[in-house]
Protein backbone atom coordinates (compact mmCIF):
# COMPACT_ATOMS: atom_id res chain seq x y z
CA MET A 1 0.00 0.00 0.00
CA SER A 2 1.17 3.51 -0.81
CA PHE A 3 1.80 6.20 1.76
CA ALA A 4 2.59 9.01 -0.67
CA ILE A 5 1.51 12.58 -0.04
CA PHE A 6 -0.60 14.43 -2.59
CA LEU A 7 -1.37 18.13 -2.77
CA ASN A 8 -4.82 19.41 -1.90
CA ALA A 9 -6.89 20.39 -4.93
CA ALA A 10 -8.59 23.15 -2.94
CA ALA A 11 -5.67 25.48 -2.39
CA ALA A 12 -7.67 27.74 -0.13
CA PHE A 13 -7.97 24.88 2.34
CA GLY A 14 -4.20 24.98 2.76
CA GLY A 15 -3.18 21.42 3.48
CA GLN A 16 -3.19 17.82 2.31
CA TRP A 17 -4.28 14.31 3.21
CA THR A 18 -1.50 11.87 4.10
CA GLU A 19 -2.02 8.14 4.39
CA VAL A 20 -0.79 6.73 7.71
CA PRO A 21 -0.26 2.99 8.31
CA GLY A 22 -3.02 1.38 10.33
CA ALA A 23 -2.77 -1.58 12.67
CA GLY A 24 -5.64 -3.71 11.46
CA PRO A 25 -5.00 -7.22 10.09
CA ASN A 26 -6.03 -8.22 6.60
CA PRO A 27 -8.91 -8.09 5.93
CA SER A 28 -10.11 -5.15 8.01
CA SER A 29 -12.30 -2.07 7.67
CA LEU A 30 -12.77 1.05 9.78
CA TYR A 31 -16.17 2.71 10.17
CA GLY A 32 -15.71 5.27 12.95
CA VAL A 33 -13.09 7.65 14.33
CA ALA A 34 -12.96 10.03 17.31
CA VAL A 35 -10.18 12.50 18.11
CA VAL A 36 -9.47 13.45 21.72
CA SER A 37 -6.17 15.27 21.16
CA ALA A 38 -3.08 15.26 18.95
CA ASN A 39 -1.78 12.14 20.70
CA ASP A 40 -5.07 10.43 21.48
CA ALA A 41 -7.48 9.20 18.81
CA TRP A 42 -9.57 6.06 18.35
CA ALA A 43 -10.83 4.22 15.27
CA VAL A 44 -13.27 1.30 15.21
CA GLY A 45 -14.45 -1.23 12.68
CA ALA A 46 -14.13 -4.93 11.99
CA ALA A 47 -11.38 -7.46 11.32
CA GLY A 48 -13.19 -10.33 9.70
CA ARG A 49 -16.05 -11.13 12.06
CA ARG A 50 -14.59 -9.57 15.20
CA PRO A 51 -14.63 -5.98 16.48
CA LEU A 52 -11.55 -3.92 15.68
CA ILE A 53 -10.36 -1.00 17.83
CA GLU A 54 -7.24 0.97 16.93
CA HIS A 55 -5.54 3.75 18.91
CA TRP A 56 -3.28 6.67 17.93
CA ASP A 57 -0.73 7.70 20.57
CA GLY A 58 0.81 10.60 18.69
CA THR A 59 3.36 8.42 16.92
CA SER A 60 1.61 5.39 15.45
CA TRP A 61 -1.62 3.41 15.33
CA SER A 62 -1.84 0.17 17.30
CA GLU A 63 -4.58 -2.36 17.83
CA ALA A 64 -6.22 -2.29 21.23
CA ALA A 65 -6.50 -5.51 23.19
CA ALA A 66 -8.44 -8.14 21.22
CA GLN A 67 -12.14 -7.74 21.86
CA PRO A 68 -14.01 -10.82 23.08
CA GLY A 69 -16.85 -12.18 21.00
CA GLY A 70 -17.73 -11.47 17.39
CA GLY A 71 -19.24 -8.47 15.72
CA GLN A 72 -18.33 -5.12 14.29
CA LEU A 73 -18.24 -1.52 15.53
CA TYR A 74 -19.71 1.26 13.42
CA GLY A 75 -19.66 4.38 15.58
CA ILE A 76 -17.50 5.97 18.26
CA ALA A 77 -17.55 9.17 20.33
CA ALA A 78 -15.05 10.52 22.87
CA ARG A 79 -15.77 13.04 25.63
CA SER A 80 -12.30 12.74 27.18
CA SER A 81 -9.33 10.38 27.35
CA SER A 82 -11.23 8.34 29.94
CA ASP A 83 -14.76 8.44 28.54
CA VAL A 84 -15.20 6.87 25.10
CA TRP A 85 -18.20 4.93 23.75
CA ALA A 86 -18.27 2.64 20.70
CA VAL A 87 -21.34 0.97 19.22
CA GLY A 88 -22.19 -1.65 16.63
CA GLN A 89 -23.61 -5.13 16.29
CA THR A 90 -22.71 -8.62 17.54
CA ASN A 91 -22.48 -11.64 15.25
CA THR A 92 -25.82 -12.73 16.71
CA GLU A 93 -27.44 -9.53 15.41
CA GLN A 94 -27.79 -7.82 18.77
CA THR A 95 -26.74 -4.32 19.77
CA LEU A 96 -23.08 -4.04 20.82
CA VAL A 97 -21.86 -1.27 23.14
CA LYS A 98 -18.32 -0.85 24.47
CA HIS A 99 -16.83 1.73 26.86
CA TRP A 100 -13.28 2.95 27.49
CA ASN A 101 -12.63 4.26 31.01
CA GLY A 102 -9.03 5.29 30.45
CA LEU A 103 -7.64 1.88 31.41
CA ARG A 104 -9.59 -0.77 29.53
CA TRP A 105 -12.41 -1.47 27.10
CA SER A 106 -15.45 -3.27 28.48
CA THR A 107 -18.70 -4.47 26.95
CA VAL A 108 -21.76 -2.74 28.44
CA SER A 109 -25.17 -4.38 28.43
CA SER A 110 -27.60 -2.81 25.95
CA PRO A 111 -31.23 -3.48 25.02
CA ASN A 112 -32.62 -4.70 21.69
CA ALA A 113 -35.73 -3.69 19.83
CA ASP A 114 -36.28 -6.79 17.67
CA THR A 115 -34.55 -9.91 16.35
CA TYR A 116 -32.04 -7.96 14.21
CA ASN A 117 -30.48 -4.90 15.85
CA THR A 118 -27.53 -2.69 15.03
CA LEU A 119 -26.21 0.66 16.29
CA PHE A 120 -24.48 3.11 13.97
CA GLY A 121 -24.02 6.35 15.90
CA VAL A 122 -23.27 7.53 19.41
CA CYS A 123 -22.76 10.92 21.09
CA ILE A 124 -21.74 11.92 24.62
CA ILE A 125 -23.02 14.93 26.54
CA SER A 126 -21.73 14.00 30.02
CA HIS A 127 -20.76 10.95 32.05
CA ASN A 128 -24.45 10.23 32.68
CA ASP A 129 -25.96 11.47 29.43
CA ALA A 130 -25.26 9.77 26.10
CA TRP A 131 -27.32 8.69 23.09
CA ALA A 132 -26.98 5.91 20.52
CA VAL A 133 -28.98 5.29 17.34
CA GLY A 134 -29.45 2.55 14.77
CA PHE A 135 -32.21 0.32 13.49
CA SER A 136 -33.88 -3.07 13.88
CA VAL A 137 -35.50 -5.34 11.28
CA PRO A 138 -38.21 -4.96 10.13
CA TYR A 139 -36.76 -1.51 9.57
CA ASN A 140 -37.55 0.60 12.61
CA TYR A 141 -35.17 3.18 14.00
CA ILE A 142 -33.58 2.71 17.43
CA LEU A 143 -33.08 5.49 19.98
CA MET A 144 -31.11 4.50 23.07
CA HIS A 145 -30.10 6.59 26.10
CA TRP A 146 -27.39 6.21 28.78
CA ASP A 147 -28.26 7.68 32.20
CA GLY A 148 -24.98 6.86 33.93
CA ILE A 149 -26.20 3.45 35.08
CA SER A 150 -27.76 1.66 32.12
CA TRP A 151 -28.81 1.96 28.49
CA SER A 152 -32.55 2.03 27.73
CA LEU A 153 -34.71 2.31 24.62
CA VAL A 154 -36.50 5.64 24.11
CA ASN A 155 -39.58 6.17 21.96
CA GLY A 156 -39.77 8.67 19.15
CA PRO A 157 -42.50 9.63 16.69
CA PRO A 158 -43.96 6.80 14.56
CA VAL A 159 -42.72 6.64 10.95
CA ASN A 160 -42.63 4.05 8.18
CA SER A 161 -39.61 1.80 7.54
CA SER A 162 -36.81 3.88 9.04
CA ALA A 163 -33.23 3.96 10.34
CA LEU A 164 -31.09 6.45 12.26
CA LEU A 165 -27.38 6.57 11.47
CA SER A 166 -25.77 9.57 13.20
CA LEU A 167 -26.07 11.95 16.16
CA LYS A 168 -24.96 15.43 17.19
CA ALA A 169 -25.52 16.85 20.68
CA PHE A 170 -25.14 20.51 21.59
CA ALA A 171 -26.67 20.20 25.06
CA THR A 172 -28.76 17.83 27.13
CA ASN A 173 -31.86 19.43 25.57
CA ASP A 174 -30.52 19.92 22.04
CA VAL A 175 -29.69 16.72 20.13
CA TRP A 176 -30.07 15.86 16.43
CA ALA A 177 -30.41 12.36 14.92
CA VAL A 178 -30.54 11.69 11.16
CA GLY A 179 -31.15 8.80 8.80
CA TRP A 180 -33.89 7.75 6.39
CA LYS A 181 -37.54 6.73 6.39
CA ASP A 182 -40.13 5.31 3.98
CA SER A 183 -37.63 2.63 2.87
CA GLY A 184 -35.10 5.28 1.88
CA ALA A 185 -37.59 7.32 -0.11
CA SER A 186 -37.13 10.25 2.23
CA THR A 187 -34.44 11.81 4.38
CA PHE A 188 -35.21 11.81 8.09
CA ALA A 189 -34.17 14.06 11.00
CA LEU A 190 -35.28 14.00 14.62
CA HIS A 191 -34.63 16.58 17.35
CA TRP A 192 -34.52 16.10 21.14
CA ASP A 193 -35.56 19.12 23.23
CA GLY A 194 -34.96 17.49 26.61
CA MET A 195 -38.50 16.16 26.84
CA ALA A 196 -39.34 14.39 23.58
CA TRP A 197 -38.03 13.47 20.13
CA THR A 198 -39.89 15.16 17.27
CA GLU A 199 -39.44 15.07 13.53
CA ALA A 200 -37.84 18.24 12.22
CA PRO A 201 -40.06 20.19 9.82
CA GLY A 202 -38.71 20.33 6.28
CA SER A 203 -36.01 17.71 6.93
CA ASN A 204 -37.23 15.44 4.11
CA PRO A 205 -37.31 17.61 0.98
CA VAL A 206 -36.15 14.87 -1.41
CA SER A 207 -35.57 11.14 -1.57
CA GLY A 208 -32.37 9.75 -0.13
CA GLU A 209 -30.68 9.17 3.19
CA LEU A 210 -28.68 11.13 5.73
CA THR A 211 -25.69 9.28 7.19
CA ALA A 212 -24.00 12.06 9.17
CA VAL A 213 -24.80 15.16 11.20
CA ASP A 214 -22.56 17.74 12.89
CA GLY A 215 -22.61 21.43 13.59
CA ALA A 216 -20.73 24.50 14.77
CA ALA A 217 -23.72 25.85 16.75
CA PRO A 218 -27.40 25.07 17.31
CA ASN A 219 -28.26 27.33 14.35
CA ASP A 220 -25.45 26.03 12.13
CA VAL A 221 -25.95 22.30 11.53
CA TRP A 222 -25.02 20.11 8.55
CA ALA A 223 -26.59 16.78 7.64
CA MET A 224 -25.15 14.78 4.74
CA GLY A 225 -25.53 11.49 2.91
CA THR A 226 -26.92 11.26 -0.61
CA LEU A 227 -27.25 15.04 -0.40
CA ALA A 228 -26.16 17.91 1.84
CA MET A 229 -28.57 19.89 4.00
CA HIS A 230 -27.97 22.89 6.26
CA TRP A 231 -30.00 24.02 9.30
CA ASP A 232 -29.89 27.73 10.12
CA GLY A 233 -32.04 27.50 13.24
CA LEU A 234 -35.29 27.89 11.33
CA VAL A 235 -35.28 25.78 8.15
CA TRP A 236 -33.35 23.02 6.38
CA THR A 237 -31.87 23.94 2.99
CA VAL A 238 -30.35 21.62 0.37
CA VAL A 239 -26.84 22.77 -0.63
CA PRO A 240 -25.08 21.59 -3.84
CA THR A 241 -21.99 19.38 -3.41
CA PRO A 242 -19.34 17.97 -5.82
CA VAL A 243 -20.71 14.41 -5.47
CA SER A 244 -23.81 12.83 -4.01
CA VAL A 245 -22.45 10.12 -1.70
CA PHE A 246 -20.99 11.19 1.65
CA TYR A 247 -20.70 9.03 4.75
CA ALA A 248 -19.43 11.47 7.38
CA LEU A 249 -18.47 15.04 8.16
CA THR A 250 -16.78 17.08 10.85
CA VAL A 251 -17.62 20.74 11.45
CA LEU A 252 -14.59 22.65 12.72
CA SER A 253 -16.21 26.08 12.29
CA SER A 254 -18.94 27.70 10.23
CA SER A 255 -16.44 28.16 7.38
CA ASN A 256 -14.42 24.97 7.83
CA VAL A 257 -16.30 21.72 7.28
CA ILE A 258 -14.84 18.47 5.94
CA ALA A 259 -16.96 15.68 4.45
CA VAL A 260 -15.84 12.25 3.27
CA GLY A 261 -17.34 9.39 1.26
CA TYR A 262 -16.71 7.90 -2.14
CA ASN A 263 -17.01 8.74 -5.82
CA GLY A 264 -16.87 6.17 -8.61
CA GLY A 265 -15.72 3.48 -6.19
CA SER A 266 -12.81 5.53 -4.79
CA PRO A 267 -12.44 7.54 -1.56
CA PHE A 268 -13.55 11.16 -1.81
CA SER A 269 -13.28 14.28 0.33
CA ALA A 270 -14.78 17.76 0.13
CA HIS A 271 -14.44 21.04 2.03
CA TRP A 272 -16.93 23.82 2.85
CA ASP A 273 -15.33 27.26 3.08
CA GLY A 274 -18.45 29.14 4.14
CA ASN A 275 -19.61 29.73 0.56
CA GLU A 276 -19.35 26.49 -1.40
CA TRP A 277 -18.28 22.84 -1.32
CA GLN A 278 -15.04 21.98 -3.17
CA ALA A 279 -13.43 18.62 -3.85
CA VAL A 280 -10.22 17.86 -1.96
CA THR A 281 -7.64 15.44 -3.37
CA VAL A 282 -7.31 12.05 -1.66
CA PRO A 283 -4.17 9.89 -2.11
CA PRO A 284 -4.47 6.86 -4.42
CA VAL A 285 -5.53 3.68 -2.63
CA LEU A 286 -4.86 -0.04 -2.95
CA ASP A 287 -6.41 -1.47 -6.11
CA GLY A 288 -7.93 1.96 -6.77
CA THR A 289 -11.02 1.08 -4.76
CA GLY A 290 -12.27 2.06 -1.35
CA TRP A 291 -14.16 4.65 0.63
CA LEU A 292 -13.83 6.96 3.60
CA HIS A 293 -16.47 6.16 6.18
CA ALA A 294 -15.70 8.56 9.05
CA VAL A 295 -13.90 11.81 9.83
CA SER A 296 -13.18 13.59 13.11
CA GLY A 297 -11.33 16.75 14.05
CA HIS A 298 -10.37 18.30 17.36
CA GLY A 299 -7.68 20.70 18.51
CA GLY A 300 -6.11 20.91 15.07
CA SER A 301 -5.93 17.13 14.56
CA ILE A 302 -8.09 15.73 11.75
CA TRP A 303 -8.38 12.04 10.85
CA ALA A 304 -10.44 10.17 8.26
CA VAL A 305 -10.82 6.38 8.13
CA GLY A 306 -12.35 3.73 5.90
CA GLN A 307 -11.15 0.86 3.78
CA GLN A 308 -9.30 0.24 0.55
CA GLY A 309 -8.66 -2.58 -1.88
CA PHE A 310 -12.07 -4.22 -1.67
CA GLY A 311 -11.92 -4.76 -5.44
CA ALA A 312 -9.30 -7.43 -4.74
CA GLY A 313 -11.59 -9.07 -2.18
CA GLU A 314 -9.31 -8.51 0.85
CA PRO A 315 -9.80 -4.94 2.06
CA ASP A 316 -7.28 -3.13 4.26
CA ASP A 317 -8.02 -0.40 6.75
CA LEU A 318 -7.50 3.10 5.36
CA ILE A 319 -6.36 5.95 7.62
CA LEU A 320 -5.69 9.50 6.44
CA LYS A 321 -4.33 12.39 8.46
CA TRP A 322 -4.80 16.05 7.54
CA THR A 323 -1.59 18.04 7.44
CA PRO A 324 -2.08 21.84 7.29
């Protein structure tokens, strides 16, 4: 695999993506990343049929202690170096939740909504206030809350054939969750006001799905997937983008947003400068195939993760670091 550096196509962004060696075995894929600091970041995914957790210590990525049981991890969020949650699905199609307390990873009991359950997103507000989302089959979205003692299912408004894939929390009474409903015929966004989850007006202007949500402020929120939408505190607006398939985004400021996904079977990245979305060059990947599934930035450190080489049938983890 190549670790060459390529210049950013959006010169105004002033930097470049660099591929950094991961620690996952072959085959492996990464689906989530969370940055705590320049020398503390986590990435999660799957190595075959077992959960994969990798850690960045400021110098290199290494695999965390082998996780017991089978399954895969799709989402991760970090509040501090001693409070990290990761979520996914077991090999028996049950919800999977893991927690890092600064010393070790442990599996935390979590409820299930049906026979097939999976969690895709998680966010942390405080040590006793966290949310996770996903879906069960037949397709019904899952909302799950952590109160400091246990995880429990929370009801939201009834909708047809739905899934939730990502979360963003600004406060204990200001949380967004996004996904799709009506079997993917419509985008879907829910908002928590501290008392109840309600569907956001105007959050389903076109068909498609939303796979990621993040924001700089309660009146400056982005949701992306098969389209990009922006919330200004009053209404959702569709905003043109270079491509139509994004998996994740990180909002660093109102004029500095990075989104990742794929285009034509290859990893893709784009940047919002406050006025428009522009494509950002991504280094070539193994076999020319792959995608970026997650991106996270904090304190000047920005990481994107995914997989590469799936055209050859044995994908490798893909980890990119942003260098200003």
